[in-house]
Amino acid sequence: MTLKVEIVIEPGAAEPKLVLHTDAMTPELAKLVSRLSDNLPEVIIGYIENEAFLLDRADIQQIYAQEQRVFAKSGNREYRLKSRLYELEEQLAGTTFVRISNSEIANFSKVASMDMGLSGTITLRFKNGETTYVSRRYVEKIKQYLGL
């Protein structure tokens, strides 16, 4: 599905308004409308021991599952999350967060570069220098997200 985007600046407009012109409603458009109209929380609650922290989604580099627990990496700290990975994937759909393996979701706004290996694998290098790997099963999904 190709979507043509046009932004019109109207001085005095009370609030932003999105109008979608289409010849038919498709499941993809319905999902898009649902995502745009949802008021997604801008924060995710993470825990270090018994202390709760409000994590700005934009600051989270990656979310991953390890030993039956889910963690979010933000800055140089790791926070335990109470949500399941699949719940977070659904909550973050349509954002810069993309599932890259069965156990990890990466924030592509934090990715500095990608190494597209000859064997079909992708290595992500984050802006802080850390790396992670896209599972082969998710390579096509990443390429689709990036428009490759």
C-alpha atoms as a PDB file:
ATOM      1  CA  MET A   1       0.000   0.000   0.000  1.00  0.00           C
ATOM      2  CA  THR A   2       1.417   3.372  -1.006  1.00  0.00           C
ATOM      3  CA  LEU A   3       0.259   6.376   0.945  1.00  0.00           C
ATOM      4  CA  LYS A   4       0.577   9.904  -0.370  1.00  0.00           C
ATOM      5  CA  VAL A   5       1.084  12.389   2.482  1.00  0.00           C
ATOM      6  CA  GLU A   6       0.254  16.074   2.265  1.00  0.00           C
ATOM      7  CA  ILE A   7       0.538  18.514   5.187  1.00  0.00           C
ATOM      8  CA  VAL A   8      -1.312  21.818   5.097  1.00  0.00           C
ATOM      9  CA  ILE A   9      -0.398  24.474   7.669  1.00  0.00           C
ATOM     10  CA  GLU A  10      -3.462  26.491   8.669  1.00  0.00           C
ATOM     11  CA  PRO A  11      -2.830  29.393  11.039  1.00  0.00           C
ATOM     12  CA  GLY A  12      -5.556  29.416  13.664  1.00  0.00           C
ATOM     13  CA  ALA A  13      -6.416  25.717  13.365  1.00  0.00           C
ATOM     14  CA  ALA A  14      -7.674  24.555  16.768  1.00  0.00           C
ATOM     15  CA  GLU A  15      -6.069  21.102  16.625  1.00  0.00           C
ATOM     16  CA  PRO A  16      -4.441  18.791  14.073  1.00  0.00           C
ATOM     17  CA  LYS A  17      -6.904  16.961  11.814  1.00  0.00           C
ATOM     18  CA  LEU A  18      -6.200  14.056   9.494  1.00  0.00           C
ATOM     19  CA  VAL A  19      -8.390  13.409   6.448  1.00  0.00           C
ATOM     20  CA  LEU A  20      -7.887  10.211   4.478  1.00  0.00           C
ATOM     21  CA  HIS A  21      -9.180   9.998   0.884  1.00  0.00           C
ATOM     22  CA  THR A  22      -9.545   6.453  -0.451  1.00  0.00           C
ATOM     23  CA  ASP A  23     -11.735   4.480  -2.831  1.00  0.00           C
ATOM     24  CA  ALA A  24     -12.256   1.630  -0.330  1.00  0.00           C
ATOM     25  CA  MET A  25     -11.528   0.821   3.295  1.00  0.00           C
ATOM     26  CA  THR A  26      -8.896  -1.908   3.595  1.00  0.00           C
ATOM     27  CA  PRO A  27      -7.696  -3.791   6.679  1.00  0.00           C
ATOM     28  CA  GLU A  28      -4.388  -1.893   6.441  1.00  0.00           C
ATOM     29  CA  LEU A  29      -6.178   1.469   6.439  1.00  0.00           C
ATOM     30  CA  ALA A  30      -8.412   0.396   9.320  1.00  0.00           C
ATOM     31  CA  LYS A  31      -5.337  -0.544  11.327  1.00  0.00           C
ATOM     32  CA  LEU A  32      -3.688   2.780  10.462  1.00  0.00           C
ATOM     33  CA  VAL A  33      -6.760   4.757  11.522  1.00  0.00           C
ATOM     34  CA  SER A  34      -6.962   2.768  14.746  1.00  0.00           C
ATOM     35  CA  ARG A  35      -3.296   3.432  15.512  1.00  0.00           C
ATOM     36  CA  LEU A  36      -3.558   7.141  14.750  1.00  0.00           C
ATOM     37  CA  SER A  37      -6.660   7.609  16.866  1.00  0.00           C
ATOM     38  CA  ASP A  38      -5.330   5.667  19.866  1.00  0.00           C
ATOM     39  CA  ASN A  39      -3.785   7.761  22.574  1.00  0.00           C
ATOM     40  CA  LEU A  40      -0.661   5.713  23.105  1.00  0.00           C
ATOM     41  CA  PRO A  41       1.082   6.353  26.382  1.00  0.00           C
ATOM     42  CA  GLU A  42       4.358   8.162  25.825  1.00  0.00           C
ATOM     43  CA  VAL A  43       5.925   6.389  28.788  1.00  0.00           C
ATOM     44  CA  ILE A  44       6.531   2.801  29.780  1.00  0.00           C
ATOM     45  CA  ILE A  45       6.960   1.896  33.427  1.00  0.00           C
ATOM     46  CA  GLY A  46      10.216   0.098  34.156  1.00  0.00           C
ATOM     47  CA  TYR A  47      11.533  -1.234  37.439  1.00  0.00           C
ATOM     48  CA  ILE A  48      14.928  -1.523  39.071  1.00  0.00           C
ATOM     49  CA  GLU A  49      14.411  -3.680  42.141  1.00  0.00           C
ATOM     50  CA  ASN A  50      11.284  -2.192  43.785  1.00  0.00           C
ATOM     51  CA  GLU A  51      11.642   1.320  42.359  1.00  0.00           C
ATOM     52  CA  ALA A  52       9.439   2.285  39.395  1.00  0.00           C
ATOM     53  CA  PHE A  53      10.705   4.624  36.667  1.00  0.00           C
ATOM     54  CA  LEU A  54       8.741   6.388  33.928  1.00  0.00           C
ATOM     55  CA  LEU A  55      10.655   5.656  30.731  1.00  0.00           C
ATOM     56  CA  ASP A  56      10.057   7.938  27.771  1.00  0.00           C
ATOM     57  CA  ARG A  57       9.476   5.660  24.771  1.00  0.00           C
ATOM     58  CA  ALA A  58      11.801   7.812  22.657  1.00  0.00           C
ATOM     59  CA  ASP A  59      14.680   7.081  25.067  1.00  0.00           C
ATOM     60  CA  ILE A  60      14.318   3.289  24.953  1.00  0.00           C
ATOM     61  CA  GLN A  61      16.883   1.611  22.698  1.00  0.00           C
ATOM     62  CA  GLN A  62      15.583  -1.932  22.799  1.00  0.00           C
ATOM     63  CA  ILE A  63      13.165  -4.209  24.603  1.00  0.00           C
ATOM     64  CA  TYR A  64      14.075  -7.847  25.043  1.00  0.00           C
ATOM     65  CA  ALA A  65      13.126 -11.046  26.841  1.00  0.00           C
ATOM     66  CA  GLN A  66      15.692 -12.944  28.852  1.00  0.00           C
ATOM     67  CA  GLU A  67      15.136 -15.805  31.303  1.00  0.00           C
ATOM     68  CA  GLN A  68      11.328 -15.465  31.314  1.00  0.00           C
ATOM     69  CA  ARG A  69      11.512 -11.698  32.011  1.00  0.00           C
ATOM     70  CA  VAL A  70      11.197  -8.623  29.799  1.00  0.00           C
ATOM     71  CA  PHE A  71      13.676  -5.743  29.990  1.00  0.00           C
ATOM     72  CA  ALA A  72      14.020  -2.310  28.397  1.00  0.00           C
ATOM     73  CA  LYS A  73      17.415  -0.755  27.772  1.00  0.00           C
ATOM     74  CA  SER A  74      17.504   3.019  28.086  1.00  0.00           C
ATOM     75  CA  GLY A  75      20.777   4.896  28.302  1.00  0.00           C
ATOM     76  CA  ASN A  76      23.173   2.678  30.205  1.00  0.00           C
ATOM     77  CA  ARG A  77      20.494   1.119  32.426  1.00  0.00           C
ATOM     78  CA  GLU A  78      18.270  -1.923  32.118  1.00  0.00           C
ATOM     79  CA  TYR A  79      14.746  -1.857  33.495  1.00  0.00           C
ATOM     80  CA  ARG A  80      12.470  -4.810  34.145  1.00  0.00           C
ATOM     81  CA  LEU A  81       9.038  -4.474  32.539  1.00  0.00           C
ATOM     82  CA  LYS A  82       5.856  -6.156  33.688  1.00  0.00           C
ATOM     83  CA  SER A  83       4.344  -6.454  30.196  1.00  0.00           C
ATOM     84  CA  ARG A  84       4.948  -9.398  27.890  1.00  0.00           C
ATOM     85  CA  LEU A  85       6.985  -8.871  24.731  1.00  0.00           C
ATOM     86  CA  TYR A  86       4.007  -9.555  22.432  1.00  0.00           C
ATOM     87  CA  GLU A  87       1.902  -6.995  24.367  1.00  0.00           C
ATOM     88  CA  LEU A  88       4.599  -4.359  23.926  1.00  0.00           C
ATOM     89  CA  GLU A  89       4.909  -5.233  20.235  1.00  0.00           C
ATOM     90  CA  GLU A  90       1.160  -4.619  19.795  1.00  0.00           C
ATOM     91  CA  GLN A  91       1.269  -1.424  21.862  1.00  0.00           C
ATOM     92  CA  LEU A  92       4.225  -0.055  19.875  1.00  0.00           C
ATOM     93  CA  ALA A  93       3.018  -1.099  16.399  1.00  0.00           C
ATOM     94  CA  GLY A  94       3.217   1.758  13.935  1.00  0.00           C
ATOM     95  CA  THR A  95       6.050   3.468  15.820  1.00  0.00           C
ATOM     96  CA  THR A  96       9.825   3.247  15.356  1.00  0.00           C
ATOM     97  CA  PHE A  97       9.867   0.027  17.402  1.00  0.00           C
ATOM     98  CA  VAL A  98      10.117  -3.112  15.257  1.00  0.00           C
ATOM     99  CA  ARG A  99      10.355  -6.772  16.254  1.00  0.00           C
ATOM    100  CA  ILE A 100      13.759  -8.117  15.149  1.00  0.00           C
ATOM    101  CA  SER A 101      13.696 -11.579  16.727  1.00  0.00           C
ATOM    102  CA  ASN A 102      11.522 -13.805  18.882  1.00  0.00           C
ATOM    103  CA  SER A 103      13.092 -12.190  21.932  1.00  0.00           C
ATOM    104  CA  GLU A 104      13.760  -8.568  20.935  1.00  0.00           C
ATOM    105  CA  ILE A 105      12.173  -5.330  19.724  1.00  0.00           C
ATOM    106  CA  ALA A 106      14.497  -2.538  18.529  1.00  0.00           C
ATOM    107  CA  ASN A 107      13.856   1.199  18.396  1.00  0.00           C
ATOM    108  CA  PHE A 108      14.996   2.169  14.891  1.00  0.00           C
ATOM    109  CA  SER A 109      15.318   5.824  15.884  1.00  0.00           C
ATOM    110  CA  LYS A 110      18.290   4.671  18.006  1.00  0.00           C
ATOM    111  CA  VAL A 111      19.960   2.683  15.186  1.00  0.00           C
ATOM    112  CA  ALA A 112      23.060   4.343  13.692  1.00  0.00           C
ATOM    113  CA  SER A 113      23.853   1.783  10.984  1.00  0.00           C
ATOM    114  CA  MET A 114      23.065  -1.666   9.630  1.00  0.00           C
ATOM    115  CA  ASP A 115      25.409  -4.267   8.223  1.00  0.00           C
ATOM    116  CA  MET A 116      23.591  -6.307   5.602  1.00  0.00           C
ATOM    117  CA  GLY A 117      25.575  -9.549   5.647  1.00  0.00           C
ATOM    118  CA  LEU A 118      26.145 -11.655   2.552  1.00  0.00           C
ATOM    119  CA  SER A 119      24.430 -14.582   4.249  1.00  0.00           C
ATOM    120  CA  GLY A 120      21.188 -12.593   4.510  1.00  0.00           C
ATOM    121  CA  THR A 121      21.614 -11.499   8.111  1.00  0.00           C
ATOM    122  CA  ILE A 122      21.441  -7.939   9.439  1.00  0.00           C
ATOM    123  CA  THR A 123      23.544  -6.530  12.276  1.00  0.00           C
ATOM    124  CA  LEU A 124      22.161  -3.375  13.887  1.00  0.00           C
ATOM    125  CA  ARG A 125      24.614  -0.896  15.413  1.00  0.00           C
ATOM    126  CA  PHE A 126      22.999   1.506  17.848  1.00  0.00           C
ATOM    127  CA  LYS A 127      24.116   5.117  18.275  1.00  0.00           C
ATOM    128  CA  ASN A 128      25.797   4.189  21.569  1.00  0.00           C
ATOM    129  CA  GLY A 129      27.995   1.628  19.751  1.00  0.00           C
ATOM    130  CA  GLU A 130      26.218  -1.521  20.940  1.00  0.00           C
ATOM    131  CA  THR A 131      25.169  -4.128  18.401  1.00  0.00           C
ATOM    132  CA  THR A 132      22.386  -6.661  18.071  1.00  0.00           C
ATOM    133  CA  TYR A 133      21.284  -9.057  15.368  1.00  0.00           C
ATOM    134  CA  VAL A 134      18.119  -9.419  13.332  1.00  0.00           C
ATOM    135  CA  SER A 135      16.976 -13.020  13.206  1.00  0.00           C
ATOM    136  CA  ARG A 136      16.676 -14.380   9.657  1.00  0.00           C
ATOM    137  CA  ARG A 137      12.987 -14.911  10.235  1.00  0.00           C
ATOM    138  CA  TYR A 138      12.528 -11.130  10.680  1.00  0.00           C
ATOM    139  CA  VAL A 139      14.876  -9.854   7.926  1.00  0.00           C
ATOM    140  CA  GLU A 140      12.044  -9.449   5.410  1.00  0.00           C
ATOM    141  CA  LYS A 141       9.938  -7.554   7.956  1.00  0.00           C
ATOM    142  CA  ILE A 142      12.843  -5.150   8.595  1.00  0.00           C
ATOM    143  CA  LYS A 143      13.393  -4.619   4.880  1.00  0.00           C
ATOM    144  CA  GLN A 144       9.691  -3.886   4.465  1.00  0.00           C
ATOM    145  CA  TYR A 145       9.765  -1.413   7.387  1.00  0.00           C
ATOM    146  CA  LEU A 146      12.752   0.364   5.821  1.00  0.00           C
ATOM    147  CA  GLY A 147      11.270   0.280   2.327  1.00  0.00           C
ATOM    148  CA  LEU A 148      14.129  -1.792   0.866  1.00  0.00           C
END
